[in-house]
Amino acid sequence: MSEHHLILGGCGFIGRHVGVMLARAGHRVTLASRHPLPFPPPSDVVDQIGFCTLELGTAAWDSLVEDVDVVHHYAWGSIPASANSNPGGDLRINVTSSIDLLDALRRRGGGRVVFASSGGTVYGKVKETPVSEEHPMSPITAYGAGKVAAEIYLGLYRSMYGLDCRIARIANPYGAGQDIERGVGAVTTFLHHALNGLPITIWGTGEAVRDYIHISDLANCLVTLADAPRNDTYIFNVASGVGISLNQIVLELEARLGCVLNVSRTETRAFDVPVSVLDISRANAVLGWAPRLSFSEGIALTLEDLRKKVHFSTLRWGSW
């Protein structure tokens, strides 16, 4: 059944790919963002995707959600570095706006929300890997603390007012079209630098391990989560479930490109978690979802897309 999906942060890397996948599944999509896409959506879905302006701090939430079936809350006005430099501002713009959205849905009598949390920061220094959703949340950054606070309010509004809140704790996405100027996305940043002959900077020894997921698999999971029947289980890790070190990324790129990359190393940052790999068995058991691309396959696909200079990554799959 066709539904109207409002994607907050819809012109960002995750939002626009989810929007395309939803449109290809027959849904009506509205991308809400500060600025419209500087390029058109793919031609096969351009007529199904609309746009509206969104400023988190001043949004008219009641009118925004009035005729919407599903709200995808992917808008977040900070990255880890900026949140750490201004924790109060991070709290005011991101957590307060999340509460305002929930209040608007409460006033209208309910709603379905898919929230993009951060599997890489809400758990903090993990006690075991892979990390399940039952692991204590103990962030060591202001960015992670803000995501945890938003999650708590989503759970509160779910229990108090019956809102259908769903939380995706996302690992580290990568793929063509990711904005490397925001300072996020080691894989995509390394790829851009490698293709353009620029040096790659690694903090510490390069043995820091992260869980990386290609945007095609991530978008597929978020669409699946949005479309799934309501369930008492509503918090899911969304990841590959496989740990890759920064040094392994470099080795994979060198093998793909057939050259030795220019890598420089600097001191480890205090807020970097040594290992973060997520357990994705819950998403598989409840949603029937699992990633389909291996890390090597995802790198190959991203390289192919970057060479084509496309704004959208190739989406290999639609909804399950």
Protein backbone atom coordinates (compact mmCIF):
# COMPACT_ATOMS: atom_id res chain seq x y z
CA MET A 1 0.00 0.00 0.00
CA SER A 2 1.34 3.39 -0.98
CA GLU A 3 2.11 5.76 1.92
CA HIS A 4 3.40 9.31 2.33
CA HIS A 5 6.90 9.36 3.82
CA LEU A 6 8.39 12.60 5.16
CA ILE A 7 12.19 12.43 5.40
CA LEU A 8 13.74 15.01 7.74
CA GLY A 9 17.27 15.59 6.51
CA GLY A 10 16.01 14.16 3.24
CA CYS A 11 18.64 15.82 1.07
CA GLY A 12 21.48 14.31 3.09
CA PHE A 13 23.39 11.19 2.18
CA ILE A 14 21.11 8.71 3.95
CA GLY A 15 17.86 10.59 3.39
CA ARG A 16 18.01 10.94 -0.35
CA HIS A 17 18.95 7.30 -0.89
CA VAL A 18 16.12 6.11 1.34
CA GLY A 19 13.82 8.48 -0.54
CA VAL A 20 14.74 6.98 -3.90
CA MET A 21 14.24 3.45 -2.61
CA LEU A 22 10.85 4.35 -1.09
CA ALA A 23 9.74 6.00 -4.33
CA ARG A 24 10.78 2.94 -6.33
CA ALA A 25 8.63 0.88 -3.95
CA GLY A 26 5.64 3.04 -4.94
CA HIS A 27 5.51 5.46 -2.01
CA ARG A 28 5.08 9.23 -2.11
CA VAL A 29 8.15 10.94 -0.65
CA THR A 30 8.79 14.45 0.68
CA LEU A 31 12.38 15.46 1.38
CA ALA A 32 12.59 18.08 4.13
CA SER A 33 15.87 19.91 4.42
CA ARG A 34 17.44 23.35 4.72
CA HIS A 35 18.22 23.45 1.03
CA PRO A 36 16.80 21.47 -1.90
CA LEU A 37 18.87 18.94 -3.75
CA PRO A 38 21.33 20.75 -6.05
CA PHE A 39 20.67 17.97 -8.57
CA PRO A 40 17.47 16.19 -9.62
CA PRO A 41 16.47 12.77 -8.28
CA PRO A 42 16.84 9.85 -10.68
CA SER A 43 14.51 10.24 -13.66
CA ASP A 44 12.44 7.15 -12.84
CA VAL A 45 11.24 8.63 -9.51
CA VAL A 46 11.50 12.39 -10.03
CA ASP A 47 7.71 12.78 -10.12
CA GLN A 48 7.23 10.93 -6.82
CA ILE A 49 9.67 12.96 -4.74
CA GLY A 50 8.80 16.42 -3.45
CA PHE A 51 10.66 18.95 -1.27
CA CYS A 52 9.89 21.28 1.60
CA THR A 53 12.18 23.58 3.59
CA LEU A 54 13.08 22.50 7.12
CA GLU A 55 14.82 24.48 9.87
CA LEU A 56 15.00 22.28 12.95
CA GLY A 57 14.81 25.14 15.43
CA THR A 58 11.77 26.87 13.88
CA ALA A 59 9.90 24.07 12.10
CA ALA A 60 6.09 24.21 11.95
CA TRP A 61 5.80 20.61 13.04
CA ASP A 62 2.00 20.36 13.13
CA SER A 63 1.63 21.31 9.48
CA LEU A 64 4.67 19.28 8.43
CA VAL A 65 3.26 16.00 9.76
CA GLU A 66 -0.41 16.68 9.01
CA ASP A 67 -0.88 14.22 6.12
CA VAL A 68 2.19 12.03 6.63
CA ASP A 69 2.08 8.28 7.30
CA VAL A 70 5.75 7.85 8.28
CA VAL A 71 8.31 10.38 9.51
CA HIS A 72 11.97 9.50 8.96
CA HIS A 73 13.98 11.54 11.44
CA TYR A 74 17.46 11.71 9.91
CA ALA A 75 18.07 15.43 10.45
CA TRP A 76 20.83 16.19 12.96
CA GLY A 77 22.51 19.55 13.07
CA SER A 78 25.95 18.40 14.22
CA ILE A 79 28.74 15.88 13.77
CA PRO A 80 30.86 14.49 16.63
CA ALA A 81 33.49 17.24 16.43
CA SER A 82 31.02 20.15 16.36
CA ALA A 83 28.86 18.63 19.11
CA ASN A 84 31.86 18.28 21.40
CA SER A 85 32.78 21.92 20.87
CA ASN A 86 29.25 23.13 21.70
CA PRO A 87 27.30 20.53 23.74
CA GLY A 88 24.63 23.02 24.81
CA GLY A 89 23.91 24.08 21.26
CA ASP A 90 23.86 20.45 20.15
CA LEU A 91 21.27 19.67 22.83
CA ARG A 92 19.08 22.67 22.03
CA ILE A 93 18.93 22.23 18.28
CA ASN A 94 18.79 18.44 18.04
CA VAL A 95 17.11 17.03 21.14
CA THR A 96 14.62 19.87 21.60
CA SER A 97 13.52 19.66 17.97
CA SER A 98 13.07 15.90 18.34
CA ILE A 99 10.74 16.48 21.30
CA ASP A 100 8.84 19.13 19.32
CA LEU A 101 8.31 16.60 16.51
CA LEU A 102 7.04 13.99 18.96
CA ASP A 103 4.68 16.52 20.53
CA ALA A 104 3.22 17.33 17.10
CA LEU A 105 2.57 13.64 16.46
CA ARG A 106 1.02 13.29 19.91
CA ARG A 107 -1.31 16.22 19.23
CA ARG A 108 -2.52 14.74 15.97
CA GLY A 109 -3.23 11.41 17.67
CA GLY A 110 -0.26 9.22 16.76
CA GLY A 111 2.26 8.41 14.09
CA ARG A 112 5.14 6.24 12.95
CA VAL A 113 8.71 7.53 13.33
CA VAL A 114 11.99 6.00 12.18
CA PHE A 115 14.89 7.64 14.02
CA ALA A 116 18.49 7.45 12.83
CA SER A 117 20.58 6.94 15.95
CA SER A 118 24.30 6.18 16.02
CA GLY A 119 25.52 2.67 16.61
CA GLY A 120 29.07 3.97 16.64
CA THR A 121 28.64 6.42 19.53
CA VAL A 122 25.71 5.55 21.82
CA TYR A 123 27.46 2.48 23.25
CA GLY A 124 30.76 4.22 24.03
CA LYS A 125 33.71 2.00 24.96
CA VAL A 126 32.12 -1.38 24.49
CA LYS A 127 32.53 -4.26 26.92
CA GLU A 128 32.19 -6.94 24.26
CA THR A 129 31.86 -7.31 20.51
CA PRO A 130 29.79 -7.65 18.51
CA VAL A 131 27.63 -5.18 20.45
CA SER A 132 23.98 -6.13 20.89
CA GLU A 133 21.12 -3.69 21.46
CA GLU A 134 21.10 -4.78 25.12
CA HIS A 135 24.56 -3.31 25.72
CA PRO A 136 24.47 -0.33 28.11
CA MET A 137 24.49 3.06 26.43
CA SER A 138 27.51 4.97 27.73
CA PRO A 139 28.56 7.61 25.18
CA ILE A 140 31.90 9.35 25.47
CA THR A 141 31.03 12.23 23.13
CA ALA A 142 28.42 14.99 23.22
CA TYR A 143 27.17 13.74 19.86
CA GLY A 144 26.51 10.30 21.31
CA ALA A 145 24.89 11.81 24.42
CA GLY A 146 22.48 13.75 22.22
CA LYS A 147 21.51 10.63 20.30
CA VAL A 148 20.95 8.75 23.58
CA ALA A 149 18.76 11.58 24.91
CA ALA A 150 16.65 11.52 21.74
CA GLU A 151 16.30 7.74 22.00
CA ILE A 152 15.08 8.07 25.59
CA TYR A 153 12.39 10.55 24.57
CA LEU A 154 11.31 8.34 21.69
CA GLY A 155 10.87 5.46 24.12
CA LEU A 156 9.04 7.73 26.56
CA TYR A 157 6.55 8.96 23.95
CA ARG A 158 6.09 5.40 22.75
CA SER A 159 5.13 4.19 26.24
CA MET A 160 3.19 7.27 27.39
CA TYR A 161 1.31 8.21 24.21
CA GLY A 162 1.47 5.12 22.01
CA LEU A 163 3.59 6.67 19.25
CA ASP A 164 5.06 4.04 16.95
CA CYS A 165 8.71 5.02 17.40
CA ARG A 166 11.39 2.88 15.76
CA ILE A 167 15.11 3.35 16.28
CA ALA A 168 17.94 2.38 13.93
CA ARG A 169 21.39 2.43 15.52
CA ILE A 170 23.40 2.88 12.36
CA ALA A 171 27.05 1.94 11.91
CA ASN A 172 29.34 3.81 9.50
CA PRO A 173 27.70 4.23 6.10
CA TYR A 174 29.65 4.79 2.92
CA GLY A 175 29.04 5.16 -0.77
CA ALA A 176 29.12 7.65 -3.63
CA GLY A 177 27.38 10.93 -2.89
CA GLN A 178 28.55 11.17 0.72
CA ASP A 179 29.69 14.69 1.69
CA ILE A 180 33.31 14.34 2.75
CA GLU A 181 33.41 18.04 3.71
CA ARG A 182 31.37 17.19 6.84
CA GLY A 183 34.28 15.24 8.22
CA VAL A 184 32.46 11.90 8.43
CA GLY A 185 32.90 8.66 6.55
CA ALA A 186 36.44 7.24 6.64
CA VAL A 187 35.80 4.87 3.74
CA THR A 188 34.44 7.48 1.35
CA THR A 189 37.05 10.04 2.42
CA PHE A 190 39.89 7.58 1.84
CA LEU A 191 38.40 6.67 -1.55
CA HIS A 192 38.18 10.31 -2.66
CA HIS A 193 41.74 11.02 -1.53
CA ALA A 194 43.07 7.88 -3.19
CA LEU A 195 41.39 8.67 -6.52
CA ASN A 196 42.66 12.27 -6.43
CA GLY A 197 46.23 11.52 -5.32
CA LEU A 198 45.78 13.22 -1.96
CA PRO A 199 47.37 12.06 1.30
CA ILE A 200 45.29 9.98 3.69
CA THR A 201 45.52 10.85 7.37
CA ILE A 202 45.05 8.11 9.97
CA TRP A 203 44.73 8.90 13.65
CA GLY A 204 46.79 6.51 15.75
CA THR A 205 48.07 3.13 14.60
CA GLY A 206 45.26 2.49 12.14
CA GLU A 207 44.10 -0.54 14.11
CA ALA A 208 40.87 1.14 15.22
CA VAL A 209 38.09 -1.19 14.07
CA ARG A 210 34.70 -0.01 12.82
CA ASP A 211 31.63 -1.53 11.25
CA TYR A 212 31.01 -0.16 7.73
CA ILE A 213 27.79 -0.58 5.74
CA HIS A 214 27.19 0.38 2.11
CA ILE A 215 24.36 2.84 1.60
CA SER A 216 22.44 0.33 -0.54
CA ASP A 217 22.21 -2.13 2.36
CA LEU A 218 21.51 0.66 4.86
CA ALA A 219 18.69 2.21 2.82
CA ASN A 220 17.20 -1.22 2.30
CA CYS A 221 17.10 -1.83 6.06
CA LEU A 222 15.57 1.57 6.83
CA VAL A 223 12.83 1.01 4.23
CA THR A 224 12.21 -2.45 5.68
CA LEU A 225 12.01 -1.01 9.20
CA ALA A 226 9.61 1.72 8.10
CA ASP A 227 7.32 -0.75 6.33
CA ALA A 228 7.35 -3.49 9.00
CA PRO A 229 4.29 -4.17 11.18
CA ARG A 230 4.39 -2.60 14.63
CA ASN A 231 6.34 -4.73 17.10
CA ASP A 232 7.26 -4.56 20.76
CA THR A 233 10.87 -4.78 19.60
CA TYR A 234 11.68 -1.39 18.11
CA ILE A 235 15.44 -0.77 18.51
CA PHE A 236 17.76 -2.28 15.91
CA ASN A 237 21.45 -2.19 15.09
CA VAL A 238 21.90 -1.56 11.37
CA ALA A 239 25.36 -2.56 10.25
CA SER A 240 27.40 -5.12 8.37
CA GLY A 241 28.27 -7.03 11.54
CA VAL A 242 31.91 -7.19 10.37
CA GLY A 243 34.82 -5.21 11.81
CA ILE A 244 37.28 -3.49 9.46
CA SER A 245 40.34 -1.55 10.62
CA LEU A 246 41.56 1.67 9.01
CA ASN A 247 44.66 -0.18 7.85
CA GLN A 248 42.47 -2.80 6.18
CA ILE A 249 40.63 -0.05 4.29
CA VAL A 250 43.97 1.18 2.94
CA LEU A 251 45.03 -2.33 1.93
CA GLU A 252 41.71 -2.93 0.15
CA LEU A 253 42.06 0.33 -1.78
CA GLU A 254 45.67 -0.38 -2.71
CA ALA A 255 44.65 -3.79 -4.03
CA ARG A 256 41.76 -2.29 -6.03
CA LEU A 257 43.78 0.63 -7.41
CA GLY A 258 47.05 -1.20 -7.91
CA CYS A 259 49.20 1.40 -6.18
CA VAL A 260 50.67 2.33 -2.79
CA LEU A 261 48.71 5.13 -1.14
CA ASN A 262 50.24 8.16 0.57
CA VAL A 263 49.31 7.62 4.24
CA SER A 264 50.31 9.88 7.13
CA ARG A 265 49.66 9.14 10.78
CA THR A 266 48.96 11.38 13.74
CA GLU A 267 48.12 10.97 17.42
CA THR A 268 45.04 9.02 18.48
CA ARG A 269 42.05 11.22 19.37
CA ALA A 270 40.70 10.91 22.91
CA PHE A 271 37.12 10.32 21.75
CA ASP A 272 37.96 7.48 19.34
CA VAL A 273 36.60 4.10 20.47
CA PRO A 274 39.15 1.32 19.73
CA VAL A 275 36.61 -1.26 18.51
CA SER A 276 32.98 -0.95 17.46
CA VAL A 277 31.27 -3.84 15.68
CA LEU A 278 27.50 -4.30 15.93
CA ASP A 279 25.44 -7.45 16.38
CA ILE A 280 22.75 -7.46 13.66
CA SER A 281 21.02 -10.73 14.60
CA ARG A 282 17.94 -8.91 15.93
CA ALA A 283 17.28 -7.15 12.61
CA ASN A 284 17.62 -10.49 10.87
CA ALA A 285 15.26 -12.29 13.29
CA VAL A 286 12.56 -9.60 13.53
CA LEU A 287 12.77 -7.81 10.17
CA GLY A 288 14.15 -10.61 8.03
CA TRP A 289 16.96 -8.29 6.94
CA ALA A 290 20.68 -8.85 6.45
CA PRO A 291 23.27 -6.92 4.41
CA ARG A 292 24.01 -8.39 0.99
CA LEU A 293 27.24 -6.60 0.06
CA SER A 294 30.56 -7.67 1.52
CA PHE A 295 33.04 -4.90 2.32
CA SER A 296 35.07 -5.75 -0.77
CA GLU A 297 31.96 -5.69 -2.98
CA GLY A 298 30.86 -2.38 -1.45
CA ILE A 299 34.25 -0.82 -2.13
CA ALA A 300 34.16 -2.02 -5.74
CA LEU A 301 30.67 -0.58 -6.24
CA THR A 302 31.63 2.74 -4.64
CA LEU A 303 34.76 3.04 -6.78
CA GLU A 304 32.67 2.41 -9.88
CA ASP A 305 30.16 5.09 -8.86
CA LEU A 306 32.83 7.64 -7.90
CA ARG A 307 34.50 7.25 -11.28
CA LYS A 308 31.15 8.01 -12.89
CA LYS A 309 30.91 11.14 -10.66
CA VAL A 310 27.30 10.36 -9.74
CA HIS A 311 25.32 12.03 -6.93
CA PHE A 312 23.49 8.85 -5.97
CA SER A 313 25.08 5.52 -5.18
CA THR A 314 23.90 2.57 -7.19
CA LEU A 315 21.10 0.95 -5.18
CA ARG A 316 21.39 -2.74 -5.87
CA TRP A 317 18.22 -3.75 -4.05
CA GLY A 318 14.73 -2.49 -3.36
CA SER A 319 12.71 -3.36 -0.27
CA TRP A 320 12.73 -7.01 0.73
